[in-house]
Amino acid sequence: MSDGISGVLTDQEVVDIVKECKTPDEGARELVEFAEEVTTEGDNATAVVVRLGGWDQRAEGGEGFMGTKDLRAWRRDEALASSRGRRM
C-alpha cells in the first residue's frame, strides 16, 4: 500500500478492513475508499491485497476488531462532518 493509506490508517485498521471483505479486490477497494474518506491531505492511496492460502478460513474478530470498527465509524462521521463544514 502507498503512504496515502499507511500514513492515514493504523495497521490494525488495515487488517480489520481486509478481514471484513470477501475478496482481495474488495479489500483493496475498501482500503482506498476509507483512506480517501478520512484524510484531509489529499495524498494518493493505492493498495494491493493478495490472497494467500487460508483466505476462506480467516476469522473476523480479534481483540482489535470491534475497537477499530467503532473507531472507523467515528472517523468516517468526523470526516463527513468536516467536509460539510468546508463546503458552506
N, C-alpha and C. Protein backbone atom coordinates (compact mmCIF):
# COMPACT_ATOMS: atom_id res chain seq x y z
N MET A 1 0.84 -1.17 0.00
CA MET A 1 0.00 0.00 0.00
C MET A 1 0.88 1.23 0.00
N SER A 2 0.34 2.29 -0.52
CA SER A 2 1.09 3.55 -0.55
C SER A 2 0.93 4.28 0.77
N ASP A 3 1.74 5.33 0.93
CA ASP A 3 1.67 6.10 2.17
C ASP A 3 0.36 6.87 2.29
N GLY A 4 -0.39 6.94 1.22
CA GLY A 4 -1.72 7.54 1.30
C GLY A 4 -2.68 6.70 2.12
N ILE A 5 -2.31 5.45 2.35
CA ILE A 5 -3.08 4.57 3.24
C ILE A 5 -2.32 4.36 4.55
N SER A 6 -1.06 3.95 4.45
CA SER A 6 -0.30 3.64 5.67
C SER A 6 -0.08 4.86 6.55
N GLY A 7 -0.10 6.04 5.97
CA GLY A 7 0.06 7.27 6.75
C GLY A 7 -1.24 7.75 7.38
N VAL A 8 -2.35 7.15 6.98
CA VAL A 8 -3.67 7.58 7.44
C VAL A 8 -4.30 6.55 8.37
N LEU A 9 -4.11 5.28 8.07
CA LEU A 9 -4.76 4.21 8.84
C LEU A 9 -3.74 3.48 9.71
N THR A 10 -4.19 2.98 10.84
CA THR A 10 -3.33 2.15 11.67
C THR A 10 -3.22 0.77 11.04
N ASP A 11 -2.20 0.03 11.46
CA ASP A 11 -2.05 -1.34 10.96
C ASP A 11 -3.29 -2.17 11.28
N GLN A 12 -3.83 -2.00 12.49
CA GLN A 12 -5.00 -2.78 12.89
C GLN A 12 -6.22 -2.42 12.05
N GLU A 13 -6.38 -1.15 11.69
CA GLU A 13 -7.49 -0.76 10.82
C GLU A 13 -7.36 -1.44 9.46
N VAL A 14 -6.15 -1.47 8.92
CA VAL A 14 -5.92 -2.11 7.62
C VAL A 14 -6.31 -3.58 7.70
N VAL A 15 -5.82 -4.27 8.73
CA VAL A 15 -6.13 -5.70 8.89
C VAL A 15 -7.63 -5.91 9.00
N ASP A 16 -8.29 -5.11 9.82
CA ASP A 16 -9.72 -5.31 10.05
C ASP A 16 -10.56 -5.00 8.82
N ILE A 17 -10.18 -4.00 8.06
CA ILE A 17 -10.91 -3.68 6.83
C ILE A 17 -10.81 -4.86 5.86
N VAL A 18 -9.61 -5.40 5.68
CA VAL A 18 -9.42 -6.52 4.76
C VAL A 18 -10.16 -7.75 5.26
N LYS A 19 -10.14 -8.00 6.58
CA LYS A 19 -10.82 -9.17 7.15
C LYS A 19 -12.33 -9.13 6.89
N GLU A 20 -12.89 -7.95 6.75
CA GLU A 20 -14.33 -7.82 6.53
C GLU A 20 -14.72 -8.08 5.07
N CYS A 21 -13.75 -8.17 4.18
CA CYS A 21 -14.03 -8.29 2.75
C CYS A 21 -14.00 -9.75 2.29
N LYS A 22 -14.81 -10.02 1.28
CA LYS A 22 -14.92 -11.38 0.75
C LYS A 22 -13.81 -11.72 -0.23
N THR A 23 -13.25 -10.71 -0.91
CA THR A 23 -12.21 -10.96 -1.91
C THR A 23 -11.08 -9.96 -1.72
N PRO A 24 -9.89 -10.29 -2.23
CA PRO A 24 -8.79 -9.33 -2.18
C PRO A 24 -9.11 -8.02 -2.92
N ASP A 25 -9.80 -8.12 -4.06
CA ASP A 25 -10.16 -6.91 -4.80
C ASP A 25 -11.03 -5.99 -3.95
N GLU A 26 -12.01 -6.58 -3.29
CA GLU A 26 -12.88 -5.79 -2.41
C GLU A 26 -12.06 -5.17 -1.28
N GLY A 27 -11.12 -5.94 -0.73
CA GLY A 27 -10.28 -5.42 0.35
C GLY A 27 -9.47 -4.22 -0.09
N ALA A 28 -8.87 -4.30 -1.25
CA ALA A 28 -8.08 -3.17 -1.77
C ALA A 28 -8.96 -1.95 -2.01
N ARG A 29 -10.12 -2.17 -2.60
CA ARG A 29 -11.06 -1.07 -2.86
C ARG A 29 -11.49 -0.40 -1.56
N GLU A 30 -11.84 -1.22 -0.56
CA GLU A 30 -12.30 -0.68 0.72
C GLU A 30 -11.20 0.11 1.42
N LEU A 31 -9.96 -0.37 1.36
CA LEU A 31 -8.85 0.36 1.97
C LEU A 31 -8.69 1.74 1.34
N VAL A 32 -8.69 1.77 0.01
CA VAL A 32 -8.52 3.04 -0.70
C VAL A 32 -9.69 3.98 -0.41
N GLU A 33 -10.90 3.48 -0.48
CA GLU A 33 -12.07 4.33 -0.25
C GLU A 33 -12.08 4.90 1.16
N PHE A 34 -11.78 4.06 2.16
CA PHE A 34 -11.81 4.55 3.54
C PHE A 34 -10.69 5.58 3.77
N ALA A 35 -9.50 5.30 3.29
CA ALA A 35 -8.39 6.24 3.45
C ALA A 35 -8.71 7.58 2.80
N GLU A 36 -9.31 7.55 1.61
CA GLU A 36 -9.68 8.79 0.93
C GLU A 36 -10.78 9.53 1.66
N GLU A 37 -11.68 8.80 2.31
CA GLU A 37 -12.77 9.44 3.07
C GLU A 37 -12.27 10.19 4.29
N VAL A 38 -11.29 9.62 4.99
CA VAL A 38 -10.92 10.18 6.29
C VAL A 38 -9.70 11.10 6.25
N THR A 39 -9.05 11.24 5.13
CA THR A 39 -7.88 12.12 5.07
C THR A 39 -8.25 13.51 4.58
N THR A 40 -7.51 14.47 5.04
CA THR A 40 -7.69 15.84 4.56
C THR A 40 -6.49 16.27 3.72
N GLU A 41 -5.51 15.39 3.59
CA GLU A 41 -4.26 15.74 2.94
C GLU A 41 -4.27 15.50 1.45
N GLY A 42 -5.19 14.72 0.94
CA GLY A 42 -5.32 14.53 -0.50
C GLY A 42 -4.21 13.71 -1.13
N ASP A 43 -3.47 12.96 -0.34
CA ASP A 43 -2.42 12.11 -0.88
C ASP A 43 -3.06 10.96 -1.66
N ASN A 44 -2.35 10.46 -2.67
CA ASN A 44 -2.90 9.33 -3.42
C ASN A 44 -2.89 8.08 -2.56
N ALA A 45 -3.85 7.21 -2.76
CA ALA A 45 -3.96 5.98 -1.99
C ALA A 45 -4.01 4.81 -2.95
N THR A 46 -3.11 3.86 -2.76
CA THR A 46 -3.03 2.68 -3.60
C THR A 46 -2.86 1.45 -2.71
N ALA A 47 -3.57 0.37 -3.04
CA ALA A 47 -3.45 -0.86 -2.26
C ALA A 47 -3.56 -2.07 -3.17
N VAL A 48 -2.82 -3.09 -2.84
CA VAL A 48 -2.92 -4.39 -3.48
C VAL A 48 -3.07 -5.40 -2.35
N VAL A 49 -4.11 -6.21 -2.42
CA VAL A 49 -4.32 -7.27 -1.43
C VAL A 49 -4.16 -8.59 -2.15
N VAL A 50 -3.32 -9.45 -1.62
CA VAL A 50 -3.01 -10.73 -2.25
C VAL A 50 -3.65 -11.86 -1.44
N ARG A 51 -4.36 -12.70 -2.14
CA ARG A 51 -4.98 -13.87 -1.50
C ARG A 51 -3.89 -14.90 -1.21
N LEU A 52 -3.78 -15.27 0.05
CA LEU A 52 -2.85 -16.32 0.46
C LEU A 52 -3.66 -17.53 0.89
N GLY A 53 -3.00 -18.66 1.03
CA GLY A 53 -3.68 -19.86 1.49
C GLY A 53 -4.42 -19.59 2.79
N GLY A 54 -5.61 -20.12 2.91
CA GLY A 54 -6.39 -19.94 4.12
C GLY A 54 -7.28 -18.71 4.12
N TRP A 55 -7.37 -18.00 2.99
CA TRP A 55 -8.20 -16.79 2.94
C TRP A 55 -9.61 -17.08 3.47
N ASP A 56 -10.19 -18.18 3.03
CA ASP A 56 -11.56 -18.51 3.42
C ASP A 56 -11.68 -18.95 4.87
N GLN A 57 -10.57 -19.29 5.52
CA GLN A 57 -10.62 -19.71 6.91
C GLN A 57 -10.31 -18.57 7.88
N ARG A 58 -9.98 -17.40 7.36
CA ARG A 58 -9.62 -16.31 8.26
C ARG A 58 -10.81 -15.97 9.14
N ALA A 59 -10.53 -15.61 10.35
CA ALA A 59 -11.59 -15.32 11.31
C ALA A 59 -11.77 -13.82 11.44
N GLU A 60 -13.00 -13.40 11.38
CA GLU A 60 -13.30 -12.00 11.64
C GLU A 60 -13.24 -11.83 13.14
N GLY A 61 -12.67 -10.77 13.58
CA GLY A 61 -12.64 -10.53 15.01
C GLY A 61 -11.24 -10.37 15.53
N GLY A 62 -11.06 -10.71 16.76
CA GLY A 62 -9.81 -10.45 17.44
C GLY A 62 -10.00 -9.27 18.35
N GLU A 63 -9.05 -9.06 19.23
CA GLU A 63 -9.18 -8.01 20.22
C GLU A 63 -9.37 -6.63 19.60
N GLY A 64 -8.64 -6.35 18.53
CA GLY A 64 -8.72 -5.02 17.95
C GLY A 64 -9.92 -4.79 17.05
N PHE A 65 -10.59 -5.85 16.65
CA PHE A 65 -11.62 -5.73 15.63
C PHE A 65 -12.75 -4.78 16.01
N MET A 66 -13.40 -5.01 17.13
CA MET A 66 -14.53 -4.17 17.49
C MET A 66 -14.09 -2.75 17.79
N GLY A 67 -12.93 -2.59 18.37
CA GLY A 67 -12.42 -1.25 18.65
C GLY A 67 -12.21 -0.45 17.38
N THR A 68 -11.63 -1.07 16.35
CA THR A 68 -11.41 -0.31 15.14
C THR A 68 -12.69 -0.13 14.36
N LYS A 69 -13.64 -1.02 14.52
CA LYS A 69 -14.91 -0.84 13.82
C LYS A 69 -15.58 0.44 14.33
N ASP A 70 -15.62 0.61 15.63
CA ASP A 70 -16.17 1.83 16.22
C ASP A 70 -15.33 3.05 15.84
N LEU A 71 -14.03 2.89 15.91
CA LEU A 71 -13.13 3.99 15.55
C LEU A 71 -13.32 4.40 14.11
N ARG A 72 -13.42 3.42 13.21
CA ARG A 72 -13.59 3.73 11.79
C ARG A 72 -14.92 4.43 11.52
N ALA A 73 -15.97 4.02 12.21
CA ALA A 73 -17.26 4.70 12.06
C ALA A 73 -17.15 6.14 12.54
N TRP A 74 -16.48 6.35 13.65
CA TRP A 74 -16.31 7.70 14.17
C TRP A 74 -15.48 8.55 13.22
N ARG A 75 -14.38 7.99 12.69
CA ARG A 75 -13.52 8.74 11.76
C ARG A 75 -14.28 9.11 10.50
N ARG A 76 -15.10 8.19 10.00
CA ARG A 76 -15.89 8.46 8.81
C ARG A 76 -16.89 9.59 9.07
N ASP A 77 -17.56 9.54 10.22
CA ASP A 77 -18.52 10.58 10.60
C ASP A 77 -17.84 11.94 10.75
N GLU A 78 -16.67 11.95 11.39
CA GLU A 78 -15.93 13.20 11.58
C GLU A 78 -15.50 13.79 10.24
N ALA A 79 -15.02 12.94 9.34
CA ALA A 79 -14.59 13.42 8.02
C ALA A 79 -15.77 13.97 7.24
N LEU A 80 -16.91 13.31 7.33
CA LEU A 80 -18.11 13.77 6.64
C LEU A 80 -18.57 15.11 7.21
N ALA A 81 -18.57 15.24 8.52
CA ALA A 81 -18.98 16.50 9.15
C ALA A 81 -18.02 17.62 8.80
N SER A 82 -16.73 17.31 8.75
CA SER A 82 -15.73 18.29 8.41
C SER A 82 -15.87 18.75 6.97
N SER A 83 -16.14 17.81 6.06
CA SER A 83 -16.27 18.20 4.64
C SER A 83 -17.54 19.02 4.42
N ARG A 84 -18.57 18.75 5.18
CA ARG A 84 -19.79 19.57 5.08
C ARG A 84 -19.51 20.99 5.53
N GLY A 85 -18.71 21.13 6.58
CA GLY A 85 -18.36 22.45 7.10
C GLY A 85 -17.51 23.24 6.13
N ARG A 86 -16.65 22.58 5.37
CA ARG A 86 -15.79 23.27 4.40
C ARG A 86 -16.59 23.76 3.20
N ARG A 87 -17.67 23.09 2.86
CA ARG A 87 -18.44 23.49 1.67
C ARG A 87 -19.34 24.69 1.93
N MET A 88 -19.61 24.95 3.18
CA MET A 88 -20.54 26.04 3.49
C MET A 88 -19.91 27.38 3.39
